[in-house]
Protein backbone atom coordinates (compact mmCIF):
# COMPACT_ATOMS: atom_id res chain seq x y z
CA UNK A 1 43.10 122.18 132.75
CA UNK A 2 40.26 119.47 134.08
CA UNK A 3 40.65 116.53 135.96
CA UNK A 4 37.47 114.13 136.46
CA UNK A 5 36.49 110.92 138.10
CA UNK A 6 36.42 107.95 135.42
CA UNK A 7 35.55 105.12 136.95
CA UNK A 8 35.00 103.35 140.91
CA UNK A 9 35.34 100.15 141.33
CA UNK A 10 35.41 98.52 144.82
CA UNK A 11 38.57 100.17 146.09
CA UNK A 12 40.22 101.19 142.54
CA UNK A 13 39.46 104.41 141.32
CA UNK A 14 40.81 106.18 137.79
CA UNK A 15 40.96 109.58 137.26
CA UNK A 16 41.80 111.55 134.15
CA UNK A 17 43.78 114.88 133.95
CA UNK A 18 44.00 116.89 131.29
CA UNK A 19 46.70 119.69 131.33
CA UNK A 20 47.66 122.38 128.97
CA UNK A 21 51.51 122.94 128.55
CA UNK A 22 53.16 126.45 128.22
CA UNK A 23 56.35 128.02 127.29
CA UNK A 24 57.13 129.09 130.49
CA UNK A 25 58.28 125.55 132.26
CA UNK A 26 57.35 127.61 136.29
CA UNK A 27 53.66 128.28 134.82
CA UNK A 28 53.57 124.79 133.67
CA UNK A 29 54.60 123.46 136.87
CA UNK A 30 51.88 125.58 138.45
CA UNK A 31 49.68 123.71 136.61
CA UNK A 32 50.73 120.83 137.35
CA UNK A 33 50.59 121.35 141.00
CA UNK A 34 46.96 122.99 140.34
CA UNK A 35 45.90 120.16 138.59
CA UNK A 36 47.56 117.47 140.73
CA UNK A 37 45.70 119.36 143.81
CA UNK A 38 42.12 118.87 141.85
CA UNK A 39 43.00 115.16 141.46
CA UNK A 40 43.88 114.62 145.20
CA UNK A 41 40.38 116.61 145.84
CA UNK A 42 38.73 113.86 143.62
CA UNK A 43 40.53 110.96 145.07
CA UNK A 44 40.57 112.20 149.04
CA UNK A 45 36.34 112.59 148.72
CA UNK A 46 35.87 108.97 147.44
CA UNK A 47 38.70 107.41 149.56
CA UNK A 48 36.56 109.15 152.63
CA UNK A 49 33.05 107.78 150.95
CA UNK A 50 35.12 104.33 150.76
CA UNK A 51 35.56 104.27 154.81
CA UNK A 52 31.53 105.54 155.52
CA UNK A 53 28.79 102.84 156.21
CA UNK A 54 26.12 101.72 154.14
CA UNK A 55 24.05 103.12 156.53
CA UNK A 56 22.91 99.64 158.28
CA UNK A 57 22.35 100.02 161.91
CA UNK A 58 25.27 99.60 164.25
CA UNK A 59 25.56 98.09 167.83
CA UNK A 60 27.56 100.25 170.37
CA UNK A 61 27.95 98.66 173.84
CA UNK A 62 24.65 97.76 174.58
CA UNK A 63 22.77 100.16 172.17
CA UNK A 64 21.65 100.52 168.93
CA UNK A 65 22.41 103.53 167.18
CA UNK A 66 20.57 104.84 163.70
CA UNK A 67 21.36 106.00 160.57
CA UNK A 68 19.75 109.77 160.27
CA UNK A 69 20.71 109.67 156.63
CA UNK A 70 23.64 110.80 154.58
CA UNK A 71 24.30 114.52 155.84
CA UNK A 72 26.98 116.99 153.78
CA UNK A 73 29.94 118.09 155.37
CA UNK A 74 33.34 119.86 154.73
CA UNK A 75 36.90 118.39 155.16
CA UNK A 76 39.86 119.78 154.82
CA UNK A 77 42.98 117.83 153.01
CA UNK A 78 45.90 118.57 152.08
CA UNK A 79 44.84 119.06 148.29
CA UNK A 80 41.59 121.66 148.81
CA UNK A 81 38.22 121.20 150.82
CA UNK A 82 35.88 118.36 149.47
CA UNK A 83 32.38 117.93 150.30
CA UNK A 84 31.14 114.52 151.37
CA UNK A 85 27.58 112.75 152.25
CA UNK A 86 28.37 110.88 155.09
CA UNK A 87 25.68 108.97 157.51
CA UNK A 88 25.24 110.20 160.73
CA UNK A 89 23.99 107.88 163.68
CA UNK A 90 22.07 108.57 166.51
CA UNK A 91 20.25 106.54 169.39
CA UNK A 92 16.50 106.04 169.02
CA UNK A 93 16.15 108.18 172.56
CA UNK A 94 17.98 111.18 170.88
CA UNK A 95 20.75 112.98 172.17
CA UNK A 96 24.36 113.58 170.63
CA UNK A 97 25.09 112.27 166.97
CA UNK A 98 28.33 109.90 166.17
CA UNK A 99 29.61 109.54 162.40
CA UNK A 100 31.75 106.14 161.60
CA UNK A 101 33.25 107.79 158.88
CA UNK A 102 35.45 110.52 161.03
CA UNK A 103 36.60 107.65 163.41
CA UNK A 104 37.66 105.34 160.48
CA UNK A 105 39.75 108.25 158.56
CA UNK A 106 40.95 109.42 161.65
CA UNK A 107 39.39 112.59 161.14
CA UNK A 108 41.13 115.84 163.47
CA UNK A 109 38.58 118.25 163.44
CA UNK A 110 37.51 118.35 160.17
CA UNK A 111 41.15 117.70 158.69
CA UNK A 112 42.06 114.27 157.10
CA UNK A 113 45.36 112.80 158.70
CA UNK A 114 47.85 113.68 156.26
CA UNK A 115 46.96 117.78 156.43
CA UNK A 116 47.04 117.73 160.20
CA UNK A 117 50.67 116.37 159.83
CA UNK A 118 51.70 118.67 157.42
CA UNK A 119 50.34 121.55 159.27
CA UNK A 120 51.43 120.41 163.18
CA UNK A 121 54.70 119.82 162.01
CA UNK A 122 55.22 123.09 160.23
CA UNK A 123 53.77 124.88 163.32
CA UNK A 124 56.48 123.18 165.43
CA UNK A 125 59.22 125.42 163.54
CA UNK A 126 57.22 128.10 161.98
CA UNK A 127 54.72 130.86 163.28
CA UNK A 128 50.81 130.53 162.23
CA UNK A 129 50.99 133.25 159.48
CA UNK A 130 54.35 131.76 158.32
CA UNK A 131 52.56 128.54 157.92
CA UNK A 132 49.64 130.00 156.20
CA UNK A 133 52.21 131.75 153.60
CA UNK A 134 53.86 128.29 153.13
CA UNK A 135 51.02 126.02 152.56
CA UNK A 136 49.61 129.30 150.05
CA UNK A 137 53.10 129.18 148.28
CA UNK A 138 54.49 126.22 148.40
CA UNK A 139 51.09 123.66 148.23
CA UNK A 140 48.57 126.10 146.45
CA UNK A 141 46.64 125.69 149.32
CA UNK A 142 44.47 128.20 150.93
CA UNK A 143 43.78 127.83 155.09
CA UNK A 144 42.67 130.34 157.47
CA UNK A 145 45.39 130.81 160.30
CA UNK A 146 42.55 130.33 163.25
CA UNK A 147 42.01 126.63 161.34
CA UNK A 148 46.27 126.23 161.54
CA UNK A 149 46.06 127.15 164.87
CA UNK A 150 43.00 125.06 165.55
CA UNK A 151 44.25 122.22 163.85
CA UNK A 152 47.93 122.29 165.84
CA UNK A 153 46.10 122.82 169.32
CA UNK A 154 44.16 119.55 168.48
CA UNK A 155 47.44 117.52 167.93
CA UNK A 156 49.51 118.65 170.17
CA UNK A 157 46.84 118.23 172.36
CA UNK A 158 46.86 114.29 171.57
CA UNK A 159 50.43 114.33 171.72
CA UNK A 160 50.59 115.72 175.51
CA UNK A 161 47.43 113.06 176.13
CA UNK A 162 48.95 110.18 175.09
CA UNK A 163 52.89 110.98 176.43
CA UNK A 164 52.34 108.16 179.57
CA UNK A 165 50.82 105.62 177.75
CA UNK A 166 52.56 105.56 174.32
CA UNK A 167 56.07 104.34 174.11
CA UNK A 168 58.35 105.32 171.13
CA UNK A 169 61.39 103.29 170.14
CA UNK A 170 64.53 104.50 169.37
CA UNK A 171 66.03 104.31 166.04
CA UNK A 172 68.02 100.83 165.65
CA UNK A 173 71.49 101.41 167.01
CA UNK A 174 74.32 99.87 164.97
CA UNK A 175 76.31 99.48 168.46
CA UNK A 176 75.37 98.61 171.94
CA UNK A 177 74.58 101.33 174.40
CA UNK A 178 76.64 101.79 177.06
CA UNK A 179 76.00 105.11 178.91
CA UNK A 180 72.45 106.77 179.13
CA UNK A 181 73.33 111.01 179.73
CA UNK A 182 70.58 112.41 181.48
CA UNK A 183 70.69 116.53 181.05
CA UNK A 184 67.97 119.43 181.91
CA UNK A 185 67.74 123.06 182.11
CA UNK A 186 65.85 126.48 181.96
CA UNK A 187 65.45 129.23 179.56
CA UNK A 188 63.43 132.44 179.82
CA UNK A 189 60.60 132.99 177.38
CA UNK A 190 58.17 135.93 177.16
CA UNK A 191 54.81 135.19 178.93
CA UNK A 192 51.31 137.47 177.96
CA UNK A 193 50.52 137.99 181.88
CA UNK A 194 53.97 136.89 183.93
CA UNK A 195 56.93 138.84 182.18
CA UNK A 196 59.81 136.30 181.30
CA UNK A 197 59.36 132.63 182.98
CA UNK A 198 61.82 129.98 183.01
CA UNK A 199 60.86 126.97 180.34
CA UNK A 200 62.29 123.88 180.79
CA UNK A 201 64.43 121.24 178.71
CA UNK A 202 65.44 117.86 179.25
CA UNK A 203 67.51 115.31 177.19
CA UNK A 204 67.94 111.81 177.48
CA UNK A 205 70.98 110.44 174.94
CA UNK A 206 72.13 107.16 173.87
CA UNK A 207 76.37 106.83 173.75
CA UNK A 208 77.98 103.41 172.59
CA UNK A 209 80.99 102.10 174.22
CA UNK A 210 83.24 104.48 172.40
CA UNK A 211 81.36 107.44 173.86
CA UNK A 212 79.90 108.31 170.78
CA UNK A 213 76.29 109.95 170.65
CA UNK A 214 73.79 107.81 169.25
CA UNK A 215 70.55 109.22 169.79
CA UNK A 216 68.76 111.90 171.95
CA UNK A 217 65.55 111.70 173.34
CA UNK A 218 63.84 115.54 173.79
CA UNK A 219 61.50 117.34 176.10
CA UNK A 220 60.31 120.69 176.61
CA UNK A 221 57.93 122.00 178.96
CA UNK A 222 56.27 125.63 179.12
CA UNK A 223 56.92 127.63 182.37
CA UNK A 224 55.60 126.26 185.54
CA UNK A 225 55.90 126.59 189.42
CA UNK A 226 57.79 124.01 190.70
CA UNK A 227 58.63 122.17 187.35
CA UNK A 228 56.68 119.10 188.99
CA UNK A 229 54.90 117.96 185.51
CA UNK A 230 58.10 118.57 183.98
CA UNK A 231 60.56 116.54 185.99
CA UNK A 232 57.67 113.58 185.98
CA UNK A 233 57.27 113.42 182.71
CA UNK A 234 61.47 113.57 182.52
CA UNK A 235 61.56 111.07 185.04
CA UNK A 236 59.27 108.62 182.89
CA UNK A 237 61.39 108.71 179.78
CA UNK A 238 64.73 107.96 182.24
CA UNK A 239 62.61 105.02 183.74
CA UNK A 240 61.89 103.70 179.85
CA UNK A 241 65.51 104.15 179.04
CA UNK A 242 66.88 102.43 182.23
CA UNK A 243 64.09 99.18 181.40
CA UNK A 244 65.48 99.34 177.54
CA UNK A 245 68.90 99.53 178.21
CA UNK A 246 69.53 97.68 181.76
CA UNK A 247 73.30 97.26 181.37
CA UNK A 248 73.67 100.90 180.81
CA UNK A 249 74.85 103.26 182.93
CA UNK A 250 73.10 106.60 183.89
CA UNK A 251 74.97 109.68 183.77
CA UNK A 252 73.41 113.10 184.87
CA UNK A 253 75.45 115.91 183.25
CA UNK A 254 74.50 119.86 184.20
CA UNK A 255 75.64 123.22 185.11
CA UNK A 256 76.05 124.26 189.06
CA UNK A 257 72.07 124.82 189.40
CA UNK A 258 71.20 123.06 192.65
CA UNK A 259 67.87 122.19 191.95
CA UNK A 260 68.87 120.27 188.76
CA UNK A 261 71.20 118.00 190.84
CA UNK A 262 68.67 117.21 193.47
CA UNK A 263 66.86 115.72 191.17
CA UNK A 264 70.13 113.91 188.95
CA UNK A 265 71.56 112.34 191.75
CA UNK A 266 67.99 110.67 192.52
CA UNK A 267 67.85 109.22 189.15
CA UNK A 268 71.68 108.44 188.16
CA UNK A 269 74.38 106.68 189.00
CA UNK A 270 77.33 108.96 188.27
CA UNK A 271 76.88 112.98 187.96
CA UNK A 272 79.15 114.90 186.23
CA UNK A 273 79.59 118.83 186.35
CA UNK A 274 79.87 120.11 182.73
CA UNK A 275 83.61 120.75 181.83
CA UNK A 276 82.80 123.86 180.06
CA UNK A 277 81.49 125.50 182.79
CA UNK A 278 83.99 124.16 185.23
CA UNK A 279 86.91 125.53 182.97
CA UNK A 280 85.09 128.79 182.97
CA UNK A 281 85.94 129.65 186.06
CA UNK A 282 89.95 129.52 185.74
CA UNK A 283 89.95 132.90 184.03
CA UNK A 284 89.93 134.82 187.36
CA UNK A 285 92.87 132.46 188.82
CA UNK A 286 94.80 133.22 185.55
CA UNK A 287 94.23 136.99 185.86
CA UNK A 288 96.06 136.44 189.92
CA UNK A 289 98.53 134.47 188.45
CA UNK A 290 99.66 136.55 185.60
CA UNK A 291 97.53 140.32 186.27
CA UNK A 292 99.52 141.87 183.78
CA UNK A 293 100.25 139.82 180.52
CA UNK A 294 97.15 138.89 178.88
CA UNK A 295 98.97 136.43 176.73
CA UNK A 296 100.44 134.50 179.93
CA UNK A 297 96.83 134.26 181.28
CA UNK A 298 96.02 132.29 177.82
CA UNK A 299 98.64 130.02 178.19
CA UNK A 300 97.99 129.03 181.22
CA UNK A 301 94.56 128.68 180.82
CA UNK A 302 95.06 126.61 177.85
CA UNK A 303 97.78 124.50 179.98
CA UNK A 304 95.49 124.12 183.00
CA UNK A 305 92.06 123.56 181.37
CA UNK A 306 93.89 120.63 179.45
CA UNK A 307 95.26 119.20 182.55
CA UNK A 308 91.86 119.41 183.80
CA UNK A 309 90.31 117.38 181.75
CA UNK A 310 92.95 114.82 181.41
CA UNK A 311 95.05 114.27 184.79
CA UNK A 312 93.30 112.79 188.01
CA UNK A 313 93.10 114.98 191.00
CA UNK A 314 93.81 118.40 188.95
CA UNK A 315 90.11 119.97 190.09
CA UNK A 316 91.70 119.47 193.98
CA UNK A 317 95.11 121.33 193.19
CA UNK A 318 93.52 123.97 191.19
CA UNK A 319 90.99 124.64 193.96
CA UNK A 320 94.32 124.91 196.65
CA UNK A 321 96.42 127.14 194.34
CA UNK A 322 92.75 129.21 193.96
CA UNK A 323 92.91 129.57 198.06
CA UNK A 324 96.38 130.13 198.28
CA UNK A 325 96.39 132.82 195.75
CA UNK A 326 93.46 134.76 197.15
CA UNK A 327 94.94 134.72 200.51
CA UNK A 328 98.58 135.27 199.58
CA UNK A 329 97.90 138.65 197.14
CA UNK A 330 96.09 141.48 197.32
CA UNK A 331 93.54 141.91 194.09
CA UNK A 332 91.18 144.14 193.37
CA UNK A 333 87.68 143.82 194.98
CA UNK A 334 86.15 142.28 191.97
CA UNK A 335 89.18 139.87 190.88
CA UNK A 336 88.85 139.00 194.82
CA UNK A 337 84.90 138.24 194.44
CA UNK A 338 85.74 136.38 191.27
CA UNK A 339 88.05 134.40 192.83
CA UNK A 340 85.90 133.59 196.13
CA UNK A 341 82.94 132.32 193.52
CA UNK A 342 85.39 129.65 191.89
CA UNK A 343 86.51 128.50 195.25
CA UNK A 344 82.85 128.16 196.39
CA UNK A 345 82.33 126.32 193.02
CA UNK A 346 84.86 124.14 193.11
CA UNK A 347 84.34 122.99 197.02
CA UNK A 348 80.69 122.21 195.90
CA UNK A 349 81.13 120.53 192.64
CA UNK A 350 84.67 119.30 192.96
CA UNK A 351 83.38 115.23 193.41
CA UNK A 352 81.71 115.70 189.81
CA UNK A 353 84.60 117.00 188.29
CA UNK A 354 87.20 113.90 187.81
CA UNK A 355 87.05 114.56 184.31
CA UNK A 356 90.28 112.07 183.47
CA UNK A 357 88.27 109.20 184.96
CA UNK A 358 85.24 109.98 183.20
CA UNK A 359 87.09 109.94 179.65
CA UNK A 360 88.39 106.86 180.40
CA UNK A 361 85.00 105.12 181.01
CA UNK A 362 83.78 106.93 177.61
CA UNK A 363 81.23 109.14 179.87
CA UNK A 364 80.16 112.23 178.23
CA UNK A 365 81.37 115.61 180.50
CA UNK A 366 79.66 118.02 178.62
CA UNK A 367 76.09 119.22 178.86
CA UNK A 368 76.08 120.96 175.25
CA UNK A 369 73.53 118.46 173.63
CA UNK A 370 71.05 119.97 176.39
CA UNK A 371 72.06 123.68 176.10
CA UNK A 372 71.83 123.62 172.59
CA UNK A 373 68.25 122.29 173.00
CA UNK A 374 67.64 125.37 174.98
CA UNK A 375 68.39 127.06 171.59
CA UNK A 376 66.82 124.52 169.06
CA UNK A 377 63.77 124.02 171.13
CA UNK A 378 62.99 126.91 172.75
CA UNK A 379 64.41 129.61 171.68
CA UNK A 380 64.74 129.75 168.16
CA UNK A 381 60.71 128.71 167.98
CA UNK A 382 59.61 130.83 171.06
CA UNK A 383 61.75 133.50 171.49
CA UNK A 384 60.88 135.26 167.98
CA UNK A 385 60.56 138.98 167.85
CA UNK A 386 57.46 140.07 169.58
CA UNK A 387 56.21 136.62 170.56
CA UNK A 388 54.24 136.36 174.04
CA UNK A 389 52.88 133.38 175.01
CA UNK A 390 49.85 131.85 177.38
CA UNK A 391 51.29 128.25 179.53
CA UNK A 392 49.12 125.98 177.24
CA UNK A 393 49.82 127.80 173.89
CA UNK A 394 53.62 127.45 174.78
CA UNK A 395 53.01 123.50 176.33
CA UNK A 396 51.52 122.48 173.10
CA UNK A 397 54.29 123.86 170.62
CA UNK A 398 57.25 122.35 172.76
CA UNK A 399 55.32 119.09 172.68
CA UNK A 400 55.21 119.05 168.76
CA UNK A 401 58.69 120.51 168.38
CA UNK A 402 60.04 118.39 170.99
CA UNK A 403 58.52 115.22 169.08
CA UNK A 404 59.47 116.62 165.43
CA UNK A 405 63.48 117.01 167.13
CA UNK A 406 63.21 113.70 168.20
CA UNK A 407 64.46 111.26 164.93
CA UNK A 408 61.72 109.19 164.47
CA UNK A 409 59.35 109.62 167.14
CA UNK A 410 57.30 112.09 164.72
CA UNK A 411 56.49 109.23 162.36
CA UNK A 412 56.16 106.60 165.00
CA UNK A 413 53.58 108.90 166.89
CA UNK A 414 51.64 109.43 163.35
CA UNK A 415 51.71 105.37 162.69
CA UNK A 416 49.95 104.94 166.16
CA UNK A 417 47.51 107.71 165.84
CA UNK A 418 46.47 105.60 162.52
CA UNK A 419 46.72 102.37 164.72
CA UNK A 420 44.26 104.04 167.80
CA UNK A 421 42.29 106.71 166.29
CA UNK A 422 41.92 110.30 167.28
CA UNK A 423 39.49 110.44 170.08
CA UNK A 424 36.03 110.29 168.43
CA UNK A 425 33.38 108.59 170.92
CA UNK A 426 30.34 107.96 170.27
């Protein structure tokens, strides 16, 4: 099996690949992959050379930079490692050097953009050792674990640095967006030094006039004291949604956590308590009304959950019934405490429980999107067996993962990186 460069003419190259076929299709496919990786290395090397200067002096600002000649350097590509002789520049007074090729090729550390994209995408969903094995087994590409980690950190740092400046367009909607649902929640993860701490998740969901969810923007943040940085980031996403959909109603959806409501009340026009949290408190009332018959408890729960969802004023009726039952009957200490917790919950949130009206307006009434994001964004990646995190590493992974999980944002990020470049300053 051999691959060789036949001809280079301007921006076109010709490469010849010779393969030997086998009676084993699997062996042949492995040989094809190896051969194509050889072709990729040859083509990548020529592509990098094509982007280099001819060695002429460069004027950058008010200063003249001159080439020190061509110097060899190893670059990592999706197909293998290549060594390229490229021009390195320096000012006449000396000091740091500058390689124009690396800016033109959007080199990240020593990686070409596609390898950086592949590795960071995989790292958003897998541990570093799994990424290393995947690259070797499925791409025929041997990459050191330390390099995989450094490369992902570099990409994640750009994601974080450009989050405020770079705006991403949502997918094209087939129908007009009528409602923007805002949610936030926390979930615990294990840190190296502080034990279990709360990571934060935010969602901005777009709904059409029929209440169908069209798109969700995900946001994740490593544990921080006060959550100031996370809330500022979520506020920026909300502001972008307001500007993009000025006619849409902003609705905040969450469970009973007081800190969440303080934020949502400032940012949204309507606040809705998650229906499934509200209905979950009715179990104590069902038990008090039918203490000896589980079947009747279930029947009562089914009927009253349906009425809570579809009948106006039902939350107030249930609250009054809770108070009556608690006062009129003698209950166990445990049941009395559960009834009091339900009463307090309904007193605090009754104004956010007009579910029949919300359904008429086609608003979402559940925070399931946000709660699911706690699992998909945080738990599935950061809470596997034996994992402990430092704040920086967790933040990098969550930034990458949120971008990957938000439809079309990952591709838009790389389009912007291709347009504006990776920070390589002379």
